PDB file of N, CA and C in Angstrom:
ATOM      1  N   UNK A   1     -65.648   7.008  45.044  1.00  0.00           N
ATOM      2  CA  UNK A   1     -65.355   6.760  43.530  1.00  0.00           C
ATOM      3  C   UNK A   1     -64.299   7.550  43.382  1.00  0.00           C
ATOM      4  N   UNK A   2     -63.804   7.165  42.055  1.00  0.00           N
ATOM      5  CA  UNK A   2     -62.791   7.681  41.413  1.00  0.00           C
ATOM      6  C   UNK A   2     -63.117   9.479  41.178  1.00  0.00           C
ATOM      7  N   UNK A   3     -64.243   9.437  40.883  1.00  0.00           N
ATOM      8  CA  UNK A   3     -64.677  10.731  40.650  1.00  0.00           C
ATOM      9  C   UNK A   3     -64.652  11.910  41.625  1.00  0.00           C
ATOM     10  N   UNK A   4     -65.091  11.018  42.863  1.00  0.00           N
ATOM     11  CA  UNK A   4     -65.174  12.162  44.272  1.00  0.00           C
ATOM     12  C   UNK A   4     -63.407  12.131  44.817  1.00  0.00           C
ATOM     13  N   UNK A   5     -62.572  11.588  44.519  1.00  0.00           N
ATOM     14  CA  UNK A   5     -61.275  11.442  44.656  1.00  0.00           C
ATOM     15  C   UNK A   5     -60.477  12.431  43.929  1.00  0.00           C
ATOM     16  N   UNK A   6     -60.868  12.463  42.433  1.00  0.00           N
ATOM     17  CA  UNK A   6     -60.657  13.482  41.507  1.00  0.00           C
ATOM     18  C   UNK A   6     -60.952  14.808  42.000  1.00  0.00           C
ATOM     19  N   UNK A   7     -62.311  15.103  42.269  1.00  0.00           N
ATOM     20  CA  UNK A   7     -62.827  16.380  42.615  1.00  0.00           C
ATOM     21  C   UNK A   7     -62.149  16.849  44.112  1.00  0.00           C
ATOM     22  N   UNK A   8     -61.930  16.238  44.873  1.00  0.00           N
ATOM     23  CA  UNK A   8     -61.466  16.147  46.154  1.00  0.00           C
ATOM     24  C   UNK A   8     -60.195  16.762  46.077  1.00  0.00           C
ATOM     25  N   UNK A   9     -59.460  16.203  45.458  1.00  0.00           N
ATOM     26  CA  UNK A   9     -57.979  16.513  45.066  1.00  0.00           C
ATOM     27  C   UNK A   9     -57.940  17.908  44.218  1.00  0.00           C
ATOM     28  N   UNK A  10     -58.516  18.001  43.292  1.00  0.00           N
ATOM     29  CA  UNK A  10     -58.708  19.333  42.571  1.00  0.00           C
ATOM     30  C   UNK A  10     -58.921  20.323  43.875  1.00  0.00           C
ATOM     31  N   UNK A  11     -60.132  20.001  44.478  1.00  0.00           N
ATOM     32  CA  UNK A  11     -60.472  21.021  45.739  1.00  0.00           C
ATOM     33  C   UNK A  11     -59.269  21.487  46.420  1.00  0.00           C
ATOM     34  N   UNK A  12     -58.628  20.584  46.639  1.00  0.00           N
ATOM     35  CA  UNK A  12     -57.493  20.500  47.767  1.00  0.00           C
ATOM     36  C   UNK A  12     -56.433  21.333  47.077  1.00  0.00           C
ATOM     37  N   UNK A  13     -56.002  21.178  45.746  1.00  0.00           N
ATOM     38  CA  UNK A  13     -54.998  21.615  44.978  1.00  0.00           C
ATOM     39  C   UNK A  13     -55.422  23.265  44.852  1.00  0.00           C
ATOM     40  N   UNK A  14     -56.912  23.464  44.574  1.00  0.00           N
ATOM     41  CA  UNK A  14     -57.153  25.088  44.766  1.00  0.00           C
ATOM     42  C   UNK A  14     -57.045  25.764  45.793  1.00  0.00           C
ATOM     43  N   UNK A  15     -57.078  24.868  46.901  1.00  0.00           N
ATOM     44  CA  UNK A  15     -57.067  25.679  48.243  1.00  0.00           C
ATOM     45  C   UNK A  15     -55.482  25.923  48.618  1.00  0.00           C
ATOM     46  N   UNK A  16     -54.879  25.081  48.063  1.00  0.00           N
ATOM     47  CA  UNK A  16     -53.317  25.197  48.247  1.00  0.00           C
ATOM     48  C   UNK A  16     -52.609  26.408  47.150  1.00  0.00           C
ATOM     49  N   UNK A  17     -53.323  26.617  46.030  1.00  0.00           N
ATOM     50  CA  UNK A  17     -53.001  27.473  45.407  1.00  0.00           C
ATOM     51  C   UNK A  17     -53.421  28.944  46.174  1.00  0.00           C
ATOM     52  N   UNK A  18     -54.356  29.116  46.736  1.00  0.00           N
ATOM     53  CA  UNK A  18     -55.002  30.235  47.413  1.00  0.00           C
ATOM     54  C   UNK A  18     -54.052  30.393  48.481  1.00  0.00           C
ATOM     55  N   UNK A  19     -53.179  29.725  48.808  1.00  0.00           N
ATOM     56  CA  UNK A  19     -52.247  29.898  49.958  1.00  0.00           C
ATOM     57  C   UNK A  19     -51.286  31.295  49.783  1.00  0.00           C
ATOM     58  N   UNK A  20     -50.850  31.827  48.586  1.00  0.00           N
ATOM     59  CA  UNK A  20     -50.312  33.025  48.966  1.00  0.00           C
ATOM     60  C   UNK A  20     -51.471  34.129  49.152  1.00  0.00           C
ATOM     61  N   UNK A  21     -52.636  34.272  48.637  1.00  0.00           N
ATOM     62  CA  UNK A  21     -53.553  35.002  48.943  1.00  0.00           C
ATOM     63  C   UNK A  21     -53.818  35.363  50.364  1.00  0.00           C
ATOM     64  N   UNK A  22     -53.858  33.925  50.914  1.00  0.00           N
ATOM     65  CA  UNK A  22     -54.256  33.566  52.462  1.00  0.00           C
ATOM     66  C   UNK A  22     -52.937  34.331  53.186  1.00  0.00           C
ATOM     67  N   UNK A  23     -51.871  33.935  52.645  1.00  0.00           N
ATOM     68  CA  UNK A  23     -50.775  34.495  53.547  1.00  0.00           C
ATOM     69  C   UNK A  23     -50.779  36.017  53.633  1.00  0.00           C
ATOM     70  N   UNK A  24     -51.178  36.617  52.409  1.00  0.00           N
ATOM     71  CA  UNK A  24     -51.484  38.148  52.533  1.00  0.00           C
ATOM     72  C   UNK A  24     -52.621  38.506  53.054  1.00  0.00           C
ATOM     73  N   UNK A  25     -53.263  37.681  53.331  1.00  0.00           N
ATOM     74  CA  UNK A  25     -54.504  38.275  54.259  1.00  0.00           C
ATOM     75  C   UNK A  25     -54.141  37.756  55.667  1.00  0.00           C
ATOM     76  N   UNK A  26     -53.275  36.901  56.087  1.00  0.00           N
ATOM     77  CA  UNK A  26     -52.752  36.617  57.146  1.00  0.00           C
ATOM     78  C   UNK A  26     -52.271  37.740  57.724  1.00  0.00           C
ATOM     79  N   UNK A  27     -51.057  38.557  56.800  1.00  0.00           N
ATOM     80  CA  UNK A  27     -50.304  39.759  57.184  1.00  0.00           C
ATOM     81  C   UNK A  27     -51.298  40.567  57.457  1.00  0.00           C
ATOM     82  N   UNK A  28     -52.304  41.104  56.829  1.00  0.00           N
ATOM     83  CA  UNK A  28     -53.296  42.224  57.268  1.00  0.00           C
ATOM     84  C   UNK A  28     -53.915  41.711  58.408  1.00  0.00           C
ATOM     85  N   UNK A  29     -54.279  40.661  58.371  1.00  0.00           N
ATOM     86  CA  UNK A  29     -54.957  40.196  59.526  1.00  0.00           C
ATOM     87  C   UNK A  29     -53.977  40.590  61.157  1.00  0.00           C
ATOM     88  N   UNK A  30     -52.505  40.141  60.686  1.00  0.00           N
ATOM     89  CA  UNK A  30     -51.614  40.538  62.197  1.00  0.00           C
ATOM     90  C   UNK A  30     -51.853  42.174  62.151  1.00  0.00           C
ATOM     91  N   UNK A  31     -51.713  42.773  61.143  1.00  0.00           N
ATOM     92  CA  UNK A  31     -51.543  44.166  61.128  1.00  0.00           C
ATOM     93  C   UNK A  31     -53.057  44.917  61.992  1.00  0.00           C
ATOM     94  N   UNK A  32     -53.959  44.116  61.432  1.00  0.00           N
ATOM     95  CA  UNK A  32     -55.238  44.604  62.262  1.00  0.00           C
ATOM     96  C   UNK A  32     -55.353  44.253  63.732  1.00  0.00           C
ATOM     97  N   UNK A  33     -54.672  43.011  63.641  1.00  0.00           N
ATOM     98  CA  UNK A  33     -54.756  42.946  65.445  1.00  0.00           C
ATOM     99  C   UNK A  33     -53.827  43.877  65.897  1.00  0.00           C
ATOM    100  N   UNK A  34     -52.454  44.180  65.525  1.00  0.00           N
ATOM    101  CA  UNK A  34     -51.820  45.022  66.250  1.00  0.00           C
ATOM    102  C   UNK A  34     -52.510  46.094  66.331  1.00  0.00           C
ATOM    103  N   UNK A  35     -53.116  46.794  65.226  1.00  0.00           N
ATOM    104  CA  UNK A  35     -53.778  47.913  65.477  1.00  0.00           C
ATOM    105  C   UNK A  35     -54.886  47.995  66.540  1.00  0.00           C
ATOM    106  N   UNK A  36     -55.662  46.877  66.622  1.00  0.00           N
ATOM    107  CA  UNK A  36     -56.862  46.724  67.550  1.00  0.00           C
ATOM    108  C   UNK A  36     -56.194  46.624  69.110  1.00  0.00           C
ATOM    109  N   UNK A  37     -55.033  45.987  69.112  1.00  0.00           N
ATOM    110  CA  UNK A  37     -54.508  45.737  70.432  1.00  0.00           C
ATOM    111  C   UNK A  37     -53.923  47.322  70.759  1.00  0.00           C
ATOM    112  N   UNK A  38     -53.452  48.133  70.048  1.00  0.00           N
ATOM    113  CA  UNK A  38     -53.299  49.448  70.200  1.00  0.00           C
ATOM    114  C   UNK A  38     -54.196  50.243  70.702  1.00  0.00           C
ATOM    115  N   UNK A  39     -55.314  50.152  69.863  1.00  0.00           N
ATOM    116  CA  UNK A  39     -56.405  50.851  70.211  1.00  0.00           C
ATOM    117  C   UNK A  39     -57.006  50.570  71.599  1.00  0.00           C
ATOM    118  N   UNK A  40     -56.687  49.217  72.085  1.00  0.00           N
ATOM    119  CA  UNK A  40     -57.508  48.807  73.185  1.00  0.00           C
ATOM    120  C   UNK A  40     -56.445  49.575  74.007  1.00  0.00           C
ATOM    121  N   UNK A  41     -54.971  49.267  74.160  1.00  0.00           N
ATOM    122  CA  UNK A  41     -54.026  49.924  75.019  1.00  0.00           C
ATOM    123  C   UNK A  41     -54.257  51.149  75.345  1.00  0.00           C
ATOM    124  N   UNK A  42     -54.695  51.956  74.280  1.00  0.00           N
ATOM    125  CA  UNK A  42     -54.917  53.633  74.288  1.00  0.00           C
ATOM    126  C   UNK A  42     -56.171  53.858  75.025  1.00  0.00           C
ATOM    127  N   UNK A  43     -57.081  52.933  74.906  1.00  0.00           N
ATOM    128  CA  UNK A  43     -58.742  52.921  75.580  1.00  0.00           C
ATOM    129  C   UNK A  43     -59.453  53.651  74.688  1.00  0.00           C
ATOM    130  N   UNK A  44     -59.093  53.266  73.436  1.00  0.00           N
ATOM    131  CA  UNK A  44     -60.294  53.560  72.190  1.00  0.00           C
ATOM    132  C   UNK A  44     -61.239  52.548  72.068  1.00  0.00           C
ATOM    133  N   UNK A  45     -60.964  51.382  72.052  1.00  0.00           N
ATOM    134  CA  UNK A  45     -61.461  50.192  71.790  1.00  0.00           C
ATOM    135  C   UNK A  45     -61.565  49.454  73.387  1.00  0.00           C
ATOM    136  N   UNK A  46     -62.643  48.466  73.558  1.00  0.00           N
ATOM    137  CA  UNK A  46     -62.711  47.880  74.823  1.00  0.00           C
ATOM    138  C   UNK A  46     -61.874  46.248  74.226  1.00  0.00           C
ATOM    139  N   UNK A  47     -61.847  45.431  75.464  1.00  0.00           N
ATOM    140  CA  UNK A  47     -61.097  44.447  75.303  1.00  0.00           C
ATOM    141  C   UNK A  47     -61.932  43.395  74.677  1.00  0.00           C
ATOM    142  N   UNK A  48     -63.353  43.376  74.873  1.00  0.00           N
ATOM    143  CA  UNK A  48     -64.016  42.547  74.137  1.00  0.00           C
ATOM    144  C   UNK A  48     -63.916  42.546  72.496  1.00  0.00           C
ATOM    145  N   UNK A  49     -64.042  43.858  72.114  1.00  0.00           N
ATOM    146  CA  UNK A  49     -63.526  43.721  70.636  1.00  0.00           C
ATOM    147  C   UNK A  49     -62.274  43.291  70.317  1.00  0.00           C
ATOM    148  N   UNK A  50     -61.397  43.619  70.896  1.00  0.00           N
ATOM    149  CA  UNK A  50     -60.003  42.958  70.539  1.00  0.00           C
ATOM    150  C   UNK A  50     -60.047  41.462  70.476  1.00  0.00           C
ATOM    151  N   UNK A  51     -61.073  40.656  71.602  1.00  0.00           N
ATOM    152  CA  UNK A  51     -60.959  39.508  71.670  1.00  0.00           C
ATOM    153  C   UNK A  51     -61.654  38.733  70.677  1.00  0.00           C
ATOM    154  N   UNK A  52     -63.000  39.425  70.136  1.00  0.00           N
ATOM    155  CA  UNK A  52     -63.930  38.775  68.747  1.00  0.00           C
ATOM    156  C   UNK A  52     -62.562  39.202  67.791  1.00  0.00           C
ATOM    157  N   UNK A  53     -62.092  40.209  67.603  1.00  0.00           N
ATOM    158  CA  UNK A  53     -61.175  39.905  66.463  1.00  0.00           C
ATOM    159  C   UNK A  53     -60.292  39.017  66.275  1.00  0.00           C
ATOM    160  N   UNK A  54     -59.521  38.564  67.331  1.00  0.00           N
ATOM    161  CA  UNK A  54     -58.698  37.443  67.460  1.00  0.00           C
ATOM    162  C   UNK A  54     -59.303  36.343  67.279  1.00  0.00           C
ATOM    163  N   UNK A  55     -60.442  35.846  67.879  1.00  0.00           N
ATOM    164  CA  UNK A  55     -61.254  34.828  67.415  1.00  0.00           C
ATOM    165  C   UNK A  55     -61.562  34.674  66.184  1.00  0.00           C
ATOM    166  N   UNK A  56     -62.050  35.628  65.514  1.00  0.00           N
ATOM    167  CA  UNK A  56     -62.741  35.407  64.244  1.00  0.00           C
ATOM    168  C   UNK A  56     -61.449  35.356  63.177  1.00  0.00           C
ATOM    169  N   UNK A  57     -60.532  35.720  63.515  1.00  0.00           N
ATOM    170  CA  UNK A  57     -59.239  35.502  62.804  1.00  0.00           C
ATOM    171  C   UNK A  57     -58.568  33.994  62.807  1.00  0.00           C
ATOM    172  N   UNK A  58     -58.889  33.368  64.034  1.00  0.00           N
ATOM    173  CA  UNK A  58     -58.325  32.092  64.215  1.00  0.00           C
ATOM    174  C   UNK A  58     -59.242  31.045  63.463  1.00  0.00           C
ATOM    175  N   UNK A  59     -60.841  31.278  63.747  1.00  0.00           N
ATOM    176  CA  UNK A  59     -61.706  30.316  63.219  1.00  0.00           C
ATOM    177  C   UNK A  59     -61.531  30.257  61.609  1.00  0.00           C
ATOM    178  N   UNK A  60     -61.463  31.269  60.936  1.00  0.00           N
ATOM    179  CA  UNK A  60     -61.434  31.602  59.666  1.00  0.00           C
ATOM    180  C   UNK A  60     -60.221  30.735  58.896  1.00  0.00           C
ATOM    181  N   UNK A  61     -58.736  30.857  59.682  1.00  0.00           N
ATOM    182  CA  UNK A  61     -57.856  30.189  59.369  1.00  0.00           C
ATOM    183  C   UNK A  61     -58.009  28.673  59.224  1.00  0.00           C
ATOM    184  N   UNK A  62     -58.553  27.978  60.082  1.00  0.00           N
ATOM    185  CA  UNK A  62     -58.686  26.947  60.510  1.00  0.00           C
ATOM    186  C   UNK A  62     -59.467  25.967  59.887  1.00  0.00           C
ATOM    187  N   UNK A  63     -60.834  27.087  59.493  1.00  0.00           N
ATOM    188  CA  UNK A  63     -61.856  26.220  58.783  1.00  0.00           C
ATOM    189  C   UNK A  63     -61.626  25.915  57.239  1.00  0.00           C
ATOM    190  N   UNK A  64     -61.104  27.053  56.505  1.00  0.00           N
ATOM    191  CA  UNK A  64     -60.799  26.897  55.027  1.00  0.00           C
ATOM    192  C   UNK A  64     -60.177  25.818  54.662  1.00  0.00           C
ATOM    193  N   UNK A  65     -58.730  25.383  55.110  1.00  0.00           N
ATOM    194  CA  UNK A  65     -58.177  24.384  54.621  1.00  0.00           C
ATOM    195  C   UNK A  65     -58.605  22.996  55.102  1.00  0.00           C
ATOM    196  N   UNK A  66     -58.911  22.937  56.363  1.00  0.00           N
ATOM    197  CA  UNK A  66     -59.558  21.962  56.815  1.00  0.00           C
ATOM    198  C   UNK A  66     -60.866  21.045  56.200  1.00  0.00           C
ATOM    199  N   UNK A  67     -61.602  21.996  55.589  1.00  0.00           N
ATOM    200  CA  UNK A  67     -62.638  21.336  55.151  1.00  0.00           C
ATOM    201  C   UNK A  67     -62.437  20.782  53.654  1.00  0.00           C
ATOM    202  N   UNK A  68     -61.492  21.242  53.241  1.00  0.00           N
ATOM    203  CA  UNK A  68     -61.157  20.806  51.982  1.00  0.00           C
ATOM    204  C   UNK A  68     -60.326  19.520  51.991  1.00  0.00           C
ATOM    205  N   UNK A  69     -59.586  19.460  53.007  1.00  0.00           N
ATOM    206  CA  UNK A  69     -58.736  18.155  53.331  1.00  0.00           C
ATOM    207  C   UNK A  69     -59.445  17.335  53.815  1.00  0.00           C
ATOM    208  N   UNK A  70     -60.429  17.405  54.676  1.00  0.00           N
ATOM    209  CA  UNK A  70     -61.456  16.559  55.159  1.00  0.00           C
ATOM    210  C   UNK A  70     -62.306  15.715  53.881  1.00  0.00           C
ATOM    211  N   UNK A  71     -62.445  16.693  52.723  1.00  0.00           N
ATOM    212  CA  UNK A  71     -63.148  16.247  51.522  1.00  0.00           C
ATOM    213  C   UNK A  71     -62.342  15.161  51.157  1.00  0.00           C
ATOM    214  N   UNK A  72     -61.032  15.399  50.740  1.00  0.00           N
ATOM    215  CA  UNK A  72     -59.917  14.537  50.203  1.00  0.00           C
ATOM    216  C   UNK A  72     -59.882  13.167  51.214  1.00  0.00           C
ATOM    217  N   UNK A  73     -59.846  13.195  52.542  1.00  0.00           N
ATOM    218  CA  UNK A  73     -59.992  11.849  53.170  1.00  0.00           C
ATOM    219  C   UNK A  73     -61.223  11.246  53.031  1.00  0.00           C
ATOM    220  N   UNK A  74     -62.269  11.991  52.903  1.00  0.00           N
ATOM    221  CA  UNK A  74     -63.851  11.213  52.845  1.00  0.00           C
ATOM    222  C   UNK A  74     -63.938  10.511  51.512  1.00  0.00           C
ATOM    223  N   UNK A  75     -63.534  11.083  50.419  1.00  0.00           N
ATOM    224  CA  UNK A  75     -63.147  10.778  49.272  1.00  0.00           C
ATOM    225  C   UNK A  75     -62.681   9.326  49.241  1.00  0.00           C
ATOM    226  N   UNK A  76     -61.608   9.494  49.470  1.00  0.00           N
ATOM    227  CA  UNK A  76     -60.495   8.127  49.809  1.00  0.00           C
ATOM    228  C   UNK A  76     -60.857   7.154  50.788  1.00  0.00           C
ATOM    229  N   UNK A  77     -62.001   7.020  51.496  1.00  0.00           N
ATOM    230  CA  UNK A  77     -62.804   6.384  52.320  1.00  0.00           C
ATOM    231  C   UNK A  77     -62.102   6.486  53.602  1.00  0.00           C
ATOM    232  N   UNK A  78     -61.161   7.388  53.879  1.00  0.00           N
ATOM    233  CA  UNK A  78     -60.635   7.323  55.522  1.00  0.00           C
ATOM    234  C   UNK A  78     -61.747   7.701  56.063  1.00  0.00           C
ATOM    235  N   UNK A  79     -61.447   7.993  57.546  1.00  0.00           N
ATOM    236  CA  UNK A  79     -62.339   8.142  58.662  1.00  0.00           C
ATOM    237  C   UNK A  79     -61.600   9.346  59.379  1.00  0.00           C
ATOM    238  N   UNK A  80     -62.313   9.958  60.057  1.00  0.00           N
ATOM    239  CA  UNK A  80     -61.920  11.256  60.778  1.00  0.00           C
ATOM    240  C   UNK A  80     -63.096  11.350  61.973  1.00  0.00           C
ATOM    241  N   UNK A  81     -62.641  12.336  62.974  1.00  0.00           N
ATOM    242  CA  UNK A  81     -63.486  12.383  64.179  1.00  0.00           C
ATOM    243  C   UNK A  81     -63.421  13.956  64.198  1.00  0.00           C
ATOM    244  N   UNK A  82     -64.384  14.473  64.489  1.00  0.00           N
ATOM    245  CA  UNK A  82     -64.388  16.059  64.717  1.00  0.00           C
ATOM    246  C   UNK A  82     -65.112  16.366  65.849  1.00  0.00           C
ATOM    247  N   UNK A  83     -64.411  17.296  66.754  1.00  0.00           N
ATOM    248  CA  UNK A  83     -64.513  17.567  67.899  1.00  0.00           C
ATOM    249  C   UNK A  83     -64.500  19.014  68.060  1.00  0.00           C
ATOM    250  N   UNK A  84     -65.051  19.881  69.177  1.00  0.00           N
ATOM    251  CA  UNK A  84     -64.978  21.324  69.557  1.00  0.00           C
ATOM    252  C   UNK A  84     -63.813  21.484  70.570  1.00  0.00           C
ATOM    253  N   UNK A  85     -62.807  22.041  70.618  1.00  0.00           N
ATOM    254  CA  UNK A  85     -62.297  22.452  71.715  1.00  0.00           C
ATOM    255  C   UNK A  85     -62.798  23.365  72.512  1.00  0.00           C
ATOM    256  N   UNK A  86     -62.140  23.354  73.910  1.00  0.00           N
ATOM    257  CA  UNK A  86     -62.304  24.223  74.777  1.00  0.00           C
ATOM    258  C   UNK A  86     -62.428  25.752  74.265  1.00  0.00           C
ATOM    259  N   UNK A  87     -61.786  26.214  73.160  1.00  0.00           N
ATOM    260  CA  UNK A  87     -61.817  27.452  72.704  1.00  0.00           C
ATOM    261  C   UNK A  87     -63.038  27.590  71.783  1.00  0.00           C
ATOM    262  N   UNK A  88     -63.593  26.548  71.681  1.00  0.00           N
ATOM    263  CA  UNK A  88     -64.629  26.517  70.363  1.00  0.00           C
ATOM    264  C   UNK A  88     -64.324  26.343  69.062  1.00  0.00           C
ATOM    265  N   UNK A  89     -63.131  25.922  68.817  1.00  0.00           N
ATOM    266  CA  UNK A  89     -62.606  25.568  67.487  1.00  0.00           C
ATOM    267  C   UNK A  89     -62.807  24.271  67.123  1.00  0.00           C
ATOM    268  N   UNK A  90     -63.400  24.107  65.952  1.00  0.00           N
ATOM    269  CA  UNK A  90     -63.549  22.872  65.467  1.00  0.00           C
ATOM    270  C   UNK A  90     -62.295  22.020  65.134  1.00  0.00           C
ATOM    271  N   UNK A  91     -62.125  20.874  65.723  1.00  0.00           N
ATOM    272  CA  UNK A  91     -60.673  20.228  65.589  1.00  0.00           C
ATOM    273  C   UNK A  91     -61.066  18.934  64.830  1.00  0.00           C
ATOM    274  N   UNK A  92     -60.088  18.281  63.589  1.00  0.00           N
ATOM    275  CA  UNK A  92     -60.368  17.181  62.940  1.00  0.00           C
ATOM    276  C   UNK A  92     -59.164  16.396  63.335  1.00  0.00           C
ATOM    277  N   UNK A  93     -59.302  15.003  63.575  1.00  0.00           N
ATOM    278  CA  UNK A  93     -58.407  14.120  63.843  1.00  0.00           C
ATOM    279  C   UNK A  93     -58.673  12.935  62.771  1.00  0.00           C
ATOM    280  N   UNK A  94     -57.482  12.532  62.284  1.00  0.00           N
ATOM    281  CA  UNK A  94     -57.610  11.414  61.336  1.00  0.00           C
ATOM    282  C   UNK A  94     -57.656  10.276  61.959  1.00  0.00           C
ATOM    283  N   UNK A  95     -58.528   9.512  61.339  1.00  0.00           N
ATOM    284  CA  UNK A  95     -58.446   7.881  61.788  1.00  0.00           C
ATOM    285  C   UNK A  95     -58.220   7.007  61.276  1.00  0.00           C
ATOM    286  N   UNK A  96     -57.259   6.007  61.377  1.00  0.00           N
ATOM    287  CA  UNK A  96     -56.594   5.108  60.355  1.00  0.00           C
ATOM    288  C   UNK A  96     -57.381   3.800  60.590  1.00  0.00           C
TER     289      UNK A  96
END
């Protein structure tokens, strides 16, 4: 319905508006990754800690925008396929 389309588009616009704060968070995340990597190289942290940090960062970045964009496609009557990649990441493909 038109109401669902409108709501989905508003949500999508809001997510795009959050982009600047997400970019700042991404920069901070990169700095955290660099620090975690340095800690690992210096023997202060183990490799599993480094891998967990990198995986958490990747999952967060992909899930935020994908979920709102999926709502837009759903409200417009479009279809999509969701699957999990070999790395455990959610992947969404648009079906026309």
